[in-house]
Amino acid sequence: MTVSSKKMVLFTVLVGFILSMAAGIALAEEKIGVVEPQKVLSQHPKMAQVSKQVQAIVQKKQAEAKSAIEKEKDNKKKEEIYKAKRNEAATEEQKLLAPLFKDIDLAIRSVAKAKGLTLVINKAHVFVGGVDITEDVIQELKKKAQ
């Protein structure tokens, strides 16, 4: 190896080291929050009301499916009716839950901004670390509901 190639290798190693240090510093500046989405959803002030509406829709769609299936003789058509009613119920459920998900998203963003968090992820995907903001998000939802 010539002197210039040794210098080039040393320079490349030095640049790599500096870049890795800079990346480490950038990561150290990240403030990561964690949240339990299921707990937040279950504690949403409107969840009890929406759950009752969802349950009523599911019962209605089941009754409609049962009535239509009893009139049908073909098993394949019975299966199609069942699937169609199940999909209708799922679509209605999504429509009812969408405003709650929007509220939760806004509450998470508000809490994250107030705490200076740059990233918020599902607590179930974190082994160690992060600032748990679950209770703060629930309190923010309750505050907005008033």
C-alpha atoms as a PDB file:
ATOM      1  CA  MET A   1       0.000   0.000   0.000  1.00  0.00           C
ATOM      2  CA  THR A   2       1.314   3.391  -0.898  1.00  0.00           C
ATOM      3  CA  VAL A   3       1.366   6.348   1.449  1.00  0.00           C
ATOM      4  CA  SER A   4      -1.474   8.068  -0.459  1.00  0.00           C
ATOM      5  CA  SER A   5      -3.700   4.974  -0.334  1.00  0.00           C
ATOM      6  CA  LYS A   6      -3.027   4.640   3.427  1.00  0.00           C
ATOM      7  CA  LYS A   7      -4.035   8.275   3.847  1.00  0.00           C
ATOM      8  CA  MET A   8      -7.171   7.635   1.795  1.00  0.00           C
ATOM      9  CA  VAL A   9      -8.156   4.637   3.962  1.00  0.00           C
ATOM     10  CA  LEU A  10      -7.447   6.623   7.132  1.00  0.00           C
ATOM     11  CA  PHE A  11      -9.472   9.557   5.798  1.00  0.00           C
ATOM     12  CA  THR A  12     -12.402   7.230   4.906  1.00  0.00           C
ATOM     13  CA  VAL A  13     -12.349   5.666   8.373  1.00  0.00           C
ATOM     14  CA  LEU A  14     -12.208   9.103   9.986  1.00  0.00           C
ATOM     15  CA  VAL A  15     -15.148  10.371   7.889  1.00  0.00           C
ATOM     16  CA  GLY A  16     -17.161   7.238   8.761  1.00  0.00           C
ATOM     17  CA  PHE A  17     -16.441   7.759  12.451  1.00  0.00           C
ATOM     18  CA  ILE A  18     -17.484  11.426  12.317  1.00  0.00           C
ATOM     19  CA  LEU A  19     -20.694  10.563  10.456  1.00  0.00           C
ATOM     20  CA  SER A  20     -21.592   7.857  12.967  1.00  0.00           C
ATOM     21  CA  MET A  21     -20.978  10.285  15.837  1.00  0.00           C
ATOM     22  CA  ALA A  22     -23.196  12.890  14.166  1.00  0.00           C
ATOM     23  CA  ALA A  23     -25.941  10.296  13.681  1.00  0.00           C
ATOM     24  CA  GLY A  24     -25.661   9.315  17.348  1.00  0.00           C
ATOM     25  CA  ILE A  25     -26.000  12.934  18.425  1.00  0.00           C
ATOM     26  CA  ALA A  26     -29.030  13.375  16.157  1.00  0.00           C
ATOM     27  CA  LEU A  27     -30.662  10.288  17.657  1.00  0.00           C
ATOM     28  CA  ALA A  28     -29.880  11.489  21.171  1.00  0.00           C
ATOM     29  CA  GLU A  29     -31.844  14.666  20.423  1.00  0.00           C
ATOM     30  CA  GLU A  30     -34.958  12.695  19.431  1.00  0.00           C
ATOM     31  CA  LYS A  31     -37.584  12.690  22.153  1.00  0.00           C
ATOM     32  CA  ILE A  32     -39.716   9.603  21.748  1.00  0.00           C
ATOM     33  CA  GLY A  33     -43.149   9.181  23.257  1.00  0.00           C
ATOM     34  CA  VAL A  34     -45.110   5.971  23.602  1.00  0.00           C
ATOM     35  CA  VAL A  35     -48.856   5.502  23.864  1.00  0.00           C
ATOM     36  CA  GLU A  36     -51.251   2.607  24.428  1.00  0.00           C
ATOM     37  CA  PRO A  37     -53.845   3.159  21.662  1.00  0.00           C
ATOM     38  CA  GLN A  38     -56.315   0.534  22.915  1.00  0.00           C
ATOM     39  CA  LYS A  39     -56.335   2.016  26.406  1.00  0.00           C
ATOM     40  CA  VAL A  40     -56.838   5.511  24.984  1.00  0.00           C
ATOM     41  CA  LEU A  41     -59.701   4.316  22.769  1.00  0.00           C
ATOM     42  CA  SER A  42     -61.402   2.477  25.631  1.00  0.00           C
ATOM     43  CA  GLN A  43     -61.148   5.611  27.815  1.00  0.00           C
ATOM     44  CA  HIS A  44     -62.447   7.976  25.107  1.00  0.00           C
ATOM     45  CA  PRO A  45     -65.408   9.909  26.572  1.00  0.00           C
ATOM     46  CA  LYS A  46     -67.639   8.918  23.623  1.00  0.00           C
ATOM     47  CA  MET A  47     -66.599   5.248  23.485  1.00  0.00           C
ATOM     48  CA  ALA A  48     -69.479   3.898  25.602  1.00  0.00           C
ATOM     49  CA  GLN A  49     -72.042   5.583  23.372  1.00  0.00           C
ATOM     50  CA  VAL A  50     -70.323   4.427  20.174  1.00  0.00           C
ATOM     51  CA  SER A  51     -70.027   0.863  21.532  1.00  0.00           C
ATOM     52  CA  LYS A  52     -73.791   0.755  22.086  1.00  0.00           C
ATOM     53  CA  GLN A  53     -74.387   2.017  18.549  1.00  0.00           C
ATOM     54  CA  VAL A  54     -71.995  -0.571  17.117  1.00  0.00           C
ATOM     55  CA  GLN A  55     -73.654  -3.347  19.097  1.00  0.00           C
ATOM     56  CA  ALA A  56     -77.091  -2.263  17.822  1.00  0.00           C
ATOM     57  CA  ILE A  57     -75.837  -2.259  14.228  1.00  0.00           C
ATOM     58  CA  VAL A  58     -74.274  -5.698  14.592  1.00  0.00           C
ATOM     59  CA  GLN A  59     -77.498  -7.102  16.041  1.00  0.00           C
ATOM     60  CA  LYS A  60     -79.527  -5.505  13.249  1.00  0.00           C
ATOM     61  CA  LYS A  61     -77.238  -6.895  10.537  1.00  0.00           C
ATOM     62  CA  GLN A  62     -77.308 -10.338  12.178  1.00  0.00           C
ATOM     63  CA  ALA A  63     -81.100 -10.276  12.212  1.00  0.00           C
ATOM     64  CA  GLU A  64     -81.177  -9.183   8.564  1.00  0.00           C
ATOM     65  CA  ALA A  65     -78.737 -11.953   7.650  1.00  0.00           C
ATOM     66  CA  LYS A  66     -80.719 -14.575   9.577  1.00  0.00           C
ATOM     67  CA  SER A  67     -83.966 -13.522   7.904  1.00  0.00           C
ATOM     68  CA  ALA A  68     -82.452 -13.538   4.408  1.00  0.00           C
ATOM     69  CA  ILE A  69     -80.606 -16.834   4.991  1.00  0.00           C
ATOM     70  CA  GLU A  70     -83.784 -18.572   6.206  1.00  0.00           C
ATOM     71  CA  LYS A  71     -85.479 -17.690   2.899  1.00  0.00           C
ATOM     72  CA  GLU A  72     -82.557 -18.967   0.824  1.00  0.00           C
ATOM     73  CA  LYS A  73     -82.009 -22.600  -0.114  1.00  0.00           C
ATOM     74  CA  ASP A  74     -78.627 -22.375  -1.841  1.00  0.00           C
ATOM     75  CA  ASN A  75     -75.756 -22.686   0.645  1.00  0.00           C
ATOM     76  CA  LYS A  76     -73.423 -20.589  -1.508  1.00  0.00           C
ATOM     77  CA  LYS A  77     -75.939 -17.719  -1.553  1.00  0.00           C
ATOM     78  CA  LYS A  78     -76.409 -18.097   2.220  1.00  0.00           C
ATOM     79  CA  GLU A  79     -72.668 -17.657   2.651  1.00  0.00           C
ATOM     80  CA  GLU A  80     -72.688 -14.594   0.359  1.00  0.00           C
ATOM     81  CA  ILE A  81     -75.543 -13.044   2.358  1.00  0.00           C
ATOM     82  CA  TYR A  82     -73.692 -13.656   5.613  1.00  0.00           C
ATOM     83  CA  LYS A  83     -70.468 -12.116   4.283  1.00  0.00           C
ATOM     84  CA  ALA A  84     -72.316  -9.112   2.836  1.00  0.00           C
ATOM     85  CA  LYS A  85     -74.071  -8.372   6.138  1.00  0.00           C
ATOM     86  CA  ARG A  86     -70.832  -8.823   8.067  1.00  0.00           C
ATOM     87  CA  ASN A  87     -69.098  -6.351   5.719  1.00  0.00           C
ATOM     88  CA  GLU A  88     -71.978  -3.874   6.068  1.00  0.00           C
ATOM     89  CA  ALA A  89     -71.658  -4.054   9.854  1.00  0.00           C
ATOM     90  CA  ALA A  90     -67.884  -3.530   9.652  1.00  0.00           C
ATOM     91  CA  THR A  91     -68.334  -0.509   7.375  1.00  0.00           C
ATOM     92  CA  GLU A  92     -70.855   1.048   9.756  1.00  0.00           C
ATOM     93  CA  GLU A  93     -68.530   0.391  12.694  1.00  0.00           C
ATOM     94  CA  GLN A  94     -65.652   2.135  10.899  1.00  0.00           C
ATOM     95  CA  LYS A  95     -67.871   5.156  10.202  1.00  0.00           C
ATOM     96  CA  LEU A  96     -68.812   5.400  13.881  1.00  0.00           C
ATOM     97  CA  LEU A  97     -65.237   4.974  15.131  1.00  0.00           C
ATOM     98  CA  ALA A  98     -63.607   7.377  12.630  1.00  0.00           C
ATOM     99  CA  PRO A  99     -64.387  10.550  14.650  1.00  0.00           C
ATOM    100  CA  LEU A 100     -62.953   8.916  17.778  1.00  0.00           C
ATOM    101  CA  PHE A 101     -59.741   8.014  15.942  1.00  0.00           C
ATOM    102  CA  LYS A 102     -59.514  11.611  14.706  1.00  0.00           C
ATOM    103  CA  ASP A 103     -59.963  12.917  18.272  1.00  0.00           C
ATOM    104  CA  ILE A 104     -57.251  10.550  19.506  1.00  0.00           C
ATOM    105  CA  ASP A 105     -54.867  11.586  16.738  1.00  0.00           C
ATOM    106  CA  LEU A 106     -55.356  15.264  17.567  1.00  0.00           C
ATOM    107  CA  ALA A 107     -54.908  14.610  21.304  1.00  0.00           C
ATOM    108  CA  ILE A 108     -51.673  12.673  20.695  1.00  0.00           C
ATOM    109  CA  ARG A 109     -50.352  15.480  18.496  1.00  0.00           C
ATOM    110  CA  SER A 110     -51.295  18.105  21.101  1.00  0.00           C
ATOM    111  CA  VAL A 111     -49.631  16.241  23.973  1.00  0.00           C
ATOM    112  CA  ALA A 112     -46.549  15.450  21.876  1.00  0.00           C
ATOM    113  CA  LYS A 113     -46.154  19.103  20.923  1.00  0.00           C
ATOM    114  CA  ALA A 114     -46.596  20.258  24.526  1.00  0.00           C
ATOM    115  CA  LYS A 115     -43.962  17.779  25.734  1.00  0.00           C
ATOM    116  CA  GLY A 116     -41.542  18.468  22.869  1.00  0.00           C
ATOM    117  CA  LEU A 117     -41.729  14.929  21.533  1.00  0.00           C
ATOM    118  CA  THR A 118     -40.509  14.377  17.985  1.00  0.00           C
ATOM    119  CA  LEU A 119     -41.906  10.856  17.617  1.00  0.00           C
ATOM    120  CA  VAL A 120     -44.783   8.936  19.220  1.00  0.00           C
ATOM    121  CA  ILE A 121     -45.175   5.188  18.703  1.00  0.00           C
ATOM    122  CA  ASN A 122     -47.338   2.348  19.966  1.00  0.00           C
ATOM    123  CA  LYS A 123     -46.067   1.224  23.364  1.00  0.00           C
ATOM    124  CA  ALA A 124     -46.556  -2.413  22.342  1.00  0.00           C
ATOM    125  CA  HIS A 125     -43.692  -2.015  19.855  1.00  0.00           C
ATOM    126  CA  VAL A 126     -41.185  -0.691  22.399  1.00  0.00           C
ATOM    127  CA  PHE A 127     -39.064  -2.847  24.662  1.00  0.00           C
ATOM    128  CA  VAL A 128     -37.357  -0.098  26.660  1.00  0.00           C
ATOM    129  CA  GLY A 129     -37.537   3.667  26.839  1.00  0.00           C
ATOM    130  CA  GLY A 130     -39.772   6.406  25.621  1.00  0.00           C
ATOM    131  CA  VAL A 131     -41.999   8.789  27.528  1.00  0.00           C
ATOM    132  CA  ASP A 132     -45.398   7.213  28.215  1.00  0.00           C
ATOM    133  CA  ILE A 133     -48.050   9.803  27.329  1.00  0.00           C
ATOM    134  CA  THR A 134     -51.088   7.513  27.501  1.00  0.00           C
ATOM    135  CA  GLU A 135     -52.636   9.147  30.572  1.00  0.00           C
ATOM    136  CA  ASP A 136     -51.883  12.626  29.230  1.00  0.00           C
ATOM    137  CA  VAL A 137     -53.689  11.787  25.985  1.00  0.00           C
ATOM    138  CA  ILE A 138     -56.706  10.463  27.918  1.00  0.00           C
ATOM    139  CA  GLN A 139     -56.807  13.668  29.974  1.00  0.00           C
ATOM    140  CA  GLU A 140     -56.567  15.755  26.788  1.00  0.00           C
ATOM    141  CA  LEU A 141     -59.550  13.850  25.315  1.00  0.00           C
ATOM    142  CA  LYS A 142     -61.572  14.417  28.472  1.00  0.00           C
ATOM    143  CA  LYS A 143     -60.662  18.107  28.464  1.00  0.00           C
ATOM    144  CA  LYS A 144     -61.764  18.483  24.813  1.00  0.00           C
ATOM    145  CA  ALA A 145     -65.041  16.631  25.511  1.00  0.00           C
ATOM    146  CA  GLN A 146     -66.110  19.198  28.111  1.00  0.00           C
END
